[in-house]
């Protein structure tokens, strides 16, 4: 009985430290959506340019990915002479610091500036969040 309890505790403790990911890789391509920024109808474009292995693993041995993404805002209101222009290309990765270690997340990516990208289980872009002129902008696809 003592050996069964020790074996059960050992099995449970190992599974508590495991972190499994699905290994979903972001797909290349571009998407656009219509949003309103500062009362101006604006087009938000997000283009995934490169997807490559970051050559780093998290604390559980899962590989992280590095993704080059271009984000653009383009809009204007000719009657009020207002324009919205933004263009930035950044590298995003899915390796996050958590506690004393690191963890790879399947569906979340972040840039050094704090911009965020979320993907679905098929690797398609779902949400892009970034800062534009002190505002938090969210583009949903």
C-alpha atoms as a PDB file:
ATOM      1  CA  UNK A   1       0.000   0.000   0.000  1.00  0.00           C
ATOM      2  CA  UNK A   2       2.896   2.323   0.854  1.00  0.00           C
ATOM      3  CA  UNK A   3       4.420   1.786  -2.619  1.00  0.00           C
ATOM      4  CA  UNK A   4       1.113   2.552  -4.338  1.00  0.00           C
ATOM      5  CA  UNK A   5       0.765   5.860  -2.495  1.00  0.00           C
ATOM      6  CA  UNK A   6       4.366   6.850  -3.283  1.00  0.00           C
ATOM      7  CA  UNK A   7       3.846   5.957  -6.948  1.00  0.00           C
ATOM      8  CA  UNK A   8       0.606   7.938  -7.123  1.00  0.00           C
ATOM      9  CA  UNK A   9       2.164  11.014  -5.513  1.00  0.00           C
ATOM     10  CA  UNK A  10       5.155  10.823  -7.878  1.00  0.00           C
ATOM     11  CA  UNK A  11       2.877  10.574 -10.919  1.00  0.00           C
ATOM     12  CA  UNK A  12       0.735  13.503  -9.812  1.00  0.00           C
ATOM     13  CA  UNK A  13       3.731  15.687  -9.033  1.00  0.00           C
ATOM     14  CA  UNK A  14       5.245  15.071 -12.484  1.00  0.00           C
ATOM     15  CA  UNK A  15       2.029  15.962 -14.274  1.00  0.00           C
ATOM     16  CA  UNK A  16       1.727  19.137 -12.183  1.00  0.00           C
ATOM     17  CA  UNK A  17       5.043  20.367 -13.613  1.00  0.00           C
ATOM     18  CA  UNK A  18       4.237  19.500 -17.246  1.00  0.00           C
ATOM     19  CA  UNK A  19       3.068  22.154 -19.676  1.00  0.00           C
ATOM     20  CA  UNK A  20       1.841  20.782 -22.966  1.00  0.00           C
ATOM     21  CA  UNK A  21       1.297  22.960 -25.992  1.00  0.00           C
ATOM     22  CA  UNK A  22      -0.389  22.121 -29.260  1.00  0.00           C
ATOM     23  CA  UNK A  23       2.498  23.507 -31.289  1.00  0.00           C
ATOM     24  CA  UNK A  24       0.290  25.821 -33.360  1.00  0.00           C
ATOM     25  CA  UNK A  25       2.392  27.874 -35.745  1.00  0.00           C
ATOM     26  CA  UNK A  26       1.225  31.268 -36.997  1.00  0.00           C
ATOM     27  CA  UNK A  27       0.373  31.340 -40.704  1.00  0.00           C
ATOM     28  CA  UNK A  28       1.939  33.868 -43.084  1.00  0.00           C
ATOM     29  CA  UNK A  29      -0.317  36.321 -44.890  1.00  0.00           C
ATOM     30  CA  UNK A  30      -2.193  39.539 -44.285  1.00  0.00           C
ATOM     31  CA  UNK A  31      -5.610  40.609 -43.063  1.00  0.00           C
ATOM     32  CA  UNK A  32      -7.426  43.896 -42.779  1.00  0.00           C
ATOM     33  CA  UNK A  33     -10.415  45.197 -40.892  1.00  0.00           C
ATOM     34  CA  UNK A  34     -12.283  48.465 -40.540  1.00  0.00           C
ATOM     35  CA  UNK A  35     -12.131  50.308 -37.217  1.00  0.00           C
ATOM     36  CA  UNK A  36     -12.731  53.868 -35.975  1.00  0.00           C
ATOM     37  CA  UNK A  37      -9.777  55.780 -34.525  1.00  0.00           C
ATOM     38  CA  UNK A  38     -10.316  59.319 -33.216  1.00  0.00           C
ATOM     39  CA  UNK A  39     -13.735  59.358 -34.962  1.00  0.00           C
ATOM     40  CA  UNK A  40     -12.025  58.598 -38.298  1.00  0.00           C
ATOM     41  CA  UNK A  41     -12.933  55.470 -40.280  1.00  0.00           C
ATOM     42  CA  UNK A  42      -9.653  53.607 -40.575  1.00  0.00           C
ATOM     43  CA  UNK A  43      -8.329  50.437 -42.161  1.00  0.00           C
ATOM     44  CA  UNK A  44      -6.174  48.244 -39.947  1.00  0.00           C
ATOM     45  CA  UNK A  45      -3.792  45.929 -41.828  1.00  0.00           C
ATOM     46  CA  UNK A  46      -1.663  43.243 -40.230  1.00  0.00           C
ATOM     47  CA  UNK A  47       0.833  41.285 -42.289  1.00  0.00           C
ATOM     48  CA  UNK A  48       2.726  38.243 -41.024  1.00  0.00           C
ATOM     49  CA  UNK A  49       5.996  38.345 -42.935  1.00  0.00           C
ATOM     50  CA  UNK A  50       8.291  35.723 -41.417  1.00  0.00           C
ATOM     51  CA  UNK A  51       7.785  32.865 -38.975  1.00  0.00           C
ATOM     52  CA  UNK A  52      10.868  31.180 -37.609  1.00  0.00           C
ATOM     53  CA  UNK A  53      11.973  29.124 -34.652  1.00  0.00           C
ATOM     54  CA  UNK A  54      13.384  31.369 -31.923  1.00  0.00           C
ATOM     55  CA  UNK A  55      15.900  28.605 -31.093  1.00  0.00           C
ATOM     56  CA  UNK A  56      14.936  28.894 -27.433  1.00  0.00           C
ATOM     57  CA  UNK A  57      12.840  26.580 -25.317  1.00  0.00           C
ATOM     58  CA  UNK A  58      10.690  27.340 -22.322  1.00  0.00           C
ATOM     59  CA  UNK A  59      11.215  25.771 -18.895  1.00  0.00           C
ATOM     60  CA  UNK A  60       9.278  22.702 -20.075  1.00  0.00           C
ATOM     61  CA  UNK A  61      11.265  22.149 -23.297  1.00  0.00           C
ATOM     62  CA  UNK A  62       8.679  23.603 -25.712  1.00  0.00           C
ATOM     63  CA  UNK A  63      10.096  25.541 -28.692  1.00  0.00           C
ATOM     64  CA  UNK A  64       9.321  29.263 -29.048  1.00  0.00           C
ATOM     65  CA  UNK A  65       8.663  31.117 -32.310  1.00  0.00           C
ATOM     66  CA  UNK A  66       9.705  34.546 -33.559  1.00  0.00           C
ATOM     67  CA  UNK A  67       7.364  36.295 -36.015  1.00  0.00           C
ATOM     68  CA  UNK A  68       7.943  39.457 -38.072  1.00  0.00           C
ATOM     69  CA  UNK A  69       4.691  41.423 -38.282  1.00  0.00           C
ATOM     70  CA  UNK A  70       3.831  44.726 -39.976  1.00  0.00           C
ATOM     71  CA  UNK A  71       0.900  46.717 -38.570  1.00  0.00           C
ATOM     72  CA  UNK A  72      -0.625  49.669 -40.436  1.00  0.00           C
ATOM     73  CA  UNK A  73      -3.439  52.119 -39.834  1.00  0.00           C
ATOM     74  CA  UNK A  74      -4.712  54.234 -42.719  1.00  0.00           C
ATOM     75  CA  UNK A  75      -7.709  56.529 -42.572  1.00  0.00           C
ATOM     76  CA  UNK A  76      -8.837  60.057 -43.323  1.00  0.00           C
ATOM     77  CA  UNK A  77     -11.790  62.392 -42.938  1.00  0.00           C
ATOM     78  CA  UNK A  78     -11.523  64.995 -45.707  1.00  0.00           C
ATOM     79  CA  UNK A  79     -14.373  67.159 -44.366  1.00  0.00           C
ATOM     80  CA  UNK A  80     -12.634  67.710 -41.039  1.00  0.00           C
ATOM     81  CA  UNK A  81      -9.109  67.419 -42.486  1.00  0.00           C
ATOM     82  CA  UNK A  82      -8.169  64.538 -40.138  1.00  0.00           C
ATOM     83  CA  UNK A  83      -5.767  61.710 -40.956  1.00  0.00           C
ATOM     84  CA  UNK A  84      -4.757  58.533 -39.196  1.00  0.00           C
ATOM     85  CA  UNK A  85      -1.435  57.069 -40.321  1.00  0.00           C
ATOM     86  CA  UNK A  86       0.602  54.428 -38.550  1.00  0.00           C
ATOM     87  CA  UNK A  87       3.102  51.886 -39.791  1.00  0.00           C
ATOM     88  CA  UNK A  88       5.361  49.699 -37.692  1.00  0.00           C
ATOM     89  CA  UNK A  89       7.157  46.420 -38.227  1.00  0.00           C
ATOM     90  CA  UNK A  90       8.158  44.444 -35.137  1.00  0.00           C
ATOM     91  CA  UNK A  91       9.292  41.006 -34.099  1.00  0.00           C
ATOM     92  CA  UNK A  92       6.846  39.137 -31.854  1.00  0.00           C
ATOM     93  CA  UNK A  93       7.448  35.921 -29.931  1.00  0.00           C
ATOM     94  CA  UNK A  94       5.437  33.519 -27.828  1.00  0.00           C
ATOM     95  CA  UNK A  95       7.951  33.031 -24.986  1.00  0.00           C
ATOM     96  CA  UNK A  96       6.733  34.570 -21.725  1.00  0.00           C
ATOM     97  CA  UNK A  97       8.382  34.934 -18.319  1.00  0.00           C
ATOM     98  CA  UNK A  98       6.290  33.339 -15.613  1.00  0.00           C
ATOM     99  CA  UNK A  99       7.462  32.998 -12.036  1.00  0.00           C
ATOM    100  CA  UNK A 100      11.080  31.866 -12.030  1.00  0.00           C
ATOM    101  CA  UNK A 101      10.949  30.364 -15.516  1.00  0.00           C
ATOM    102  CA  UNK A 102       9.574  30.790 -19.009  1.00  0.00           C
ATOM    103  CA  UNK A 103       6.520  29.408 -20.756  1.00  0.00           C
ATOM    104  CA  UNK A 104       5.540  29.130 -24.434  1.00  0.00           C
ATOM    105  CA  UNK A 105       1.946  30.035 -25.215  1.00  0.00           C
ATOM    106  CA  UNK A 106       0.309  28.625 -28.343  1.00  0.00           C
ATOM    107  CA  UNK A 107      -2.020  31.491 -29.156  1.00  0.00           C
ATOM    108  CA  UNK A 108      -0.386  34.625 -27.695  1.00  0.00           C
ATOM    109  CA  UNK A 109       2.536  36.633 -29.075  1.00  0.00           C
ATOM    110  CA  UNK A 110       4.060  39.865 -27.763  1.00  0.00           C
ATOM    111  CA  UNK A 111       6.560  42.418 -29.063  1.00  0.00           C
ATOM    112  CA  UNK A 112       9.233  44.198 -27.004  1.00  0.00           C
ATOM    113  CA  UNK A 113       7.072  47.372 -27.190  1.00  0.00           C
ATOM    114  CA  UNK A 114       4.130  45.550 -25.601  1.00  0.00           C
ATOM    115  CA  UNK A 115       2.003  45.016 -28.704  1.00  0.00           C
ATOM    116  CA  UNK A 116       0.029  41.763 -28.687  1.00  0.00           C
ATOM    117  CA  UNK A 117      -1.137  39.304 -31.335  1.00  0.00           C
ATOM    118  CA  UNK A 118      -3.579  36.461 -30.759  1.00  0.00           C
ATOM    119  CA  UNK A 119      -4.145  33.566 -33.138  1.00  0.00           C
ATOM    120  CA  UNK A 120      -6.683  30.743 -33.298  1.00  0.00           C
ATOM    121  CA  UNK A 121      -6.034  26.996 -33.155  1.00  0.00           C
ATOM    122  CA  UNK A 122      -5.432  26.957 -36.932  1.00  0.00           C
ATOM    123  CA  UNK A 123      -2.709  29.637 -36.764  1.00  0.00           C
ATOM    124  CA  UNK A 124      -4.854  32.449 -38.205  1.00  0.00           C
ATOM    125  CA  UNK A 125      -4.709  35.996 -36.845  1.00  0.00           C
ATOM    126  CA  UNK A 126      -7.600  36.873 -34.554  1.00  0.00           C
ATOM    127  CA  UNK A 127      -6.633  40.047 -32.673  1.00  0.00           C
ATOM    128  CA  UNK A 128      -3.885  42.676 -32.849  1.00  0.00           C
ATOM    129  CA  UNK A 129      -3.464  45.115 -29.945  1.00  0.00           C
ATOM    130  CA  UNK A 130      -1.023  48.010 -30.034  1.00  0.00           C
ATOM    131  CA  UNK A 131      -0.520  51.596 -28.934  1.00  0.00           C
ATOM    132  CA  UNK A 132      -1.191  54.526 -31.287  1.00  0.00           C
ATOM    133  CA  UNK A 133      -0.786  58.100 -30.001  1.00  0.00           C
ATOM    134  CA  UNK A 134      -1.388  57.035 -26.408  1.00  0.00           C
ATOM    135  CA  UNK A 135      -4.491  54.987 -27.274  1.00  0.00           C
ATOM    136  CA  UNK A 136      -4.877  51.226 -27.085  1.00  0.00           C
ATOM    137  CA  UNK A 137      -5.992  50.056 -30.516  1.00  0.00           C
ATOM    138  CA  UNK A 138      -7.568  46.631 -31.063  1.00  0.00           C
ATOM    139  CA  UNK A 139      -8.074  45.170 -34.531  1.00  0.00           C
ATOM    140  CA  UNK A 140     -10.201  42.022 -34.734  1.00  0.00           C
ATOM    141  CA  UNK A 141     -10.264  39.716 -37.738  1.00  0.00           C
END
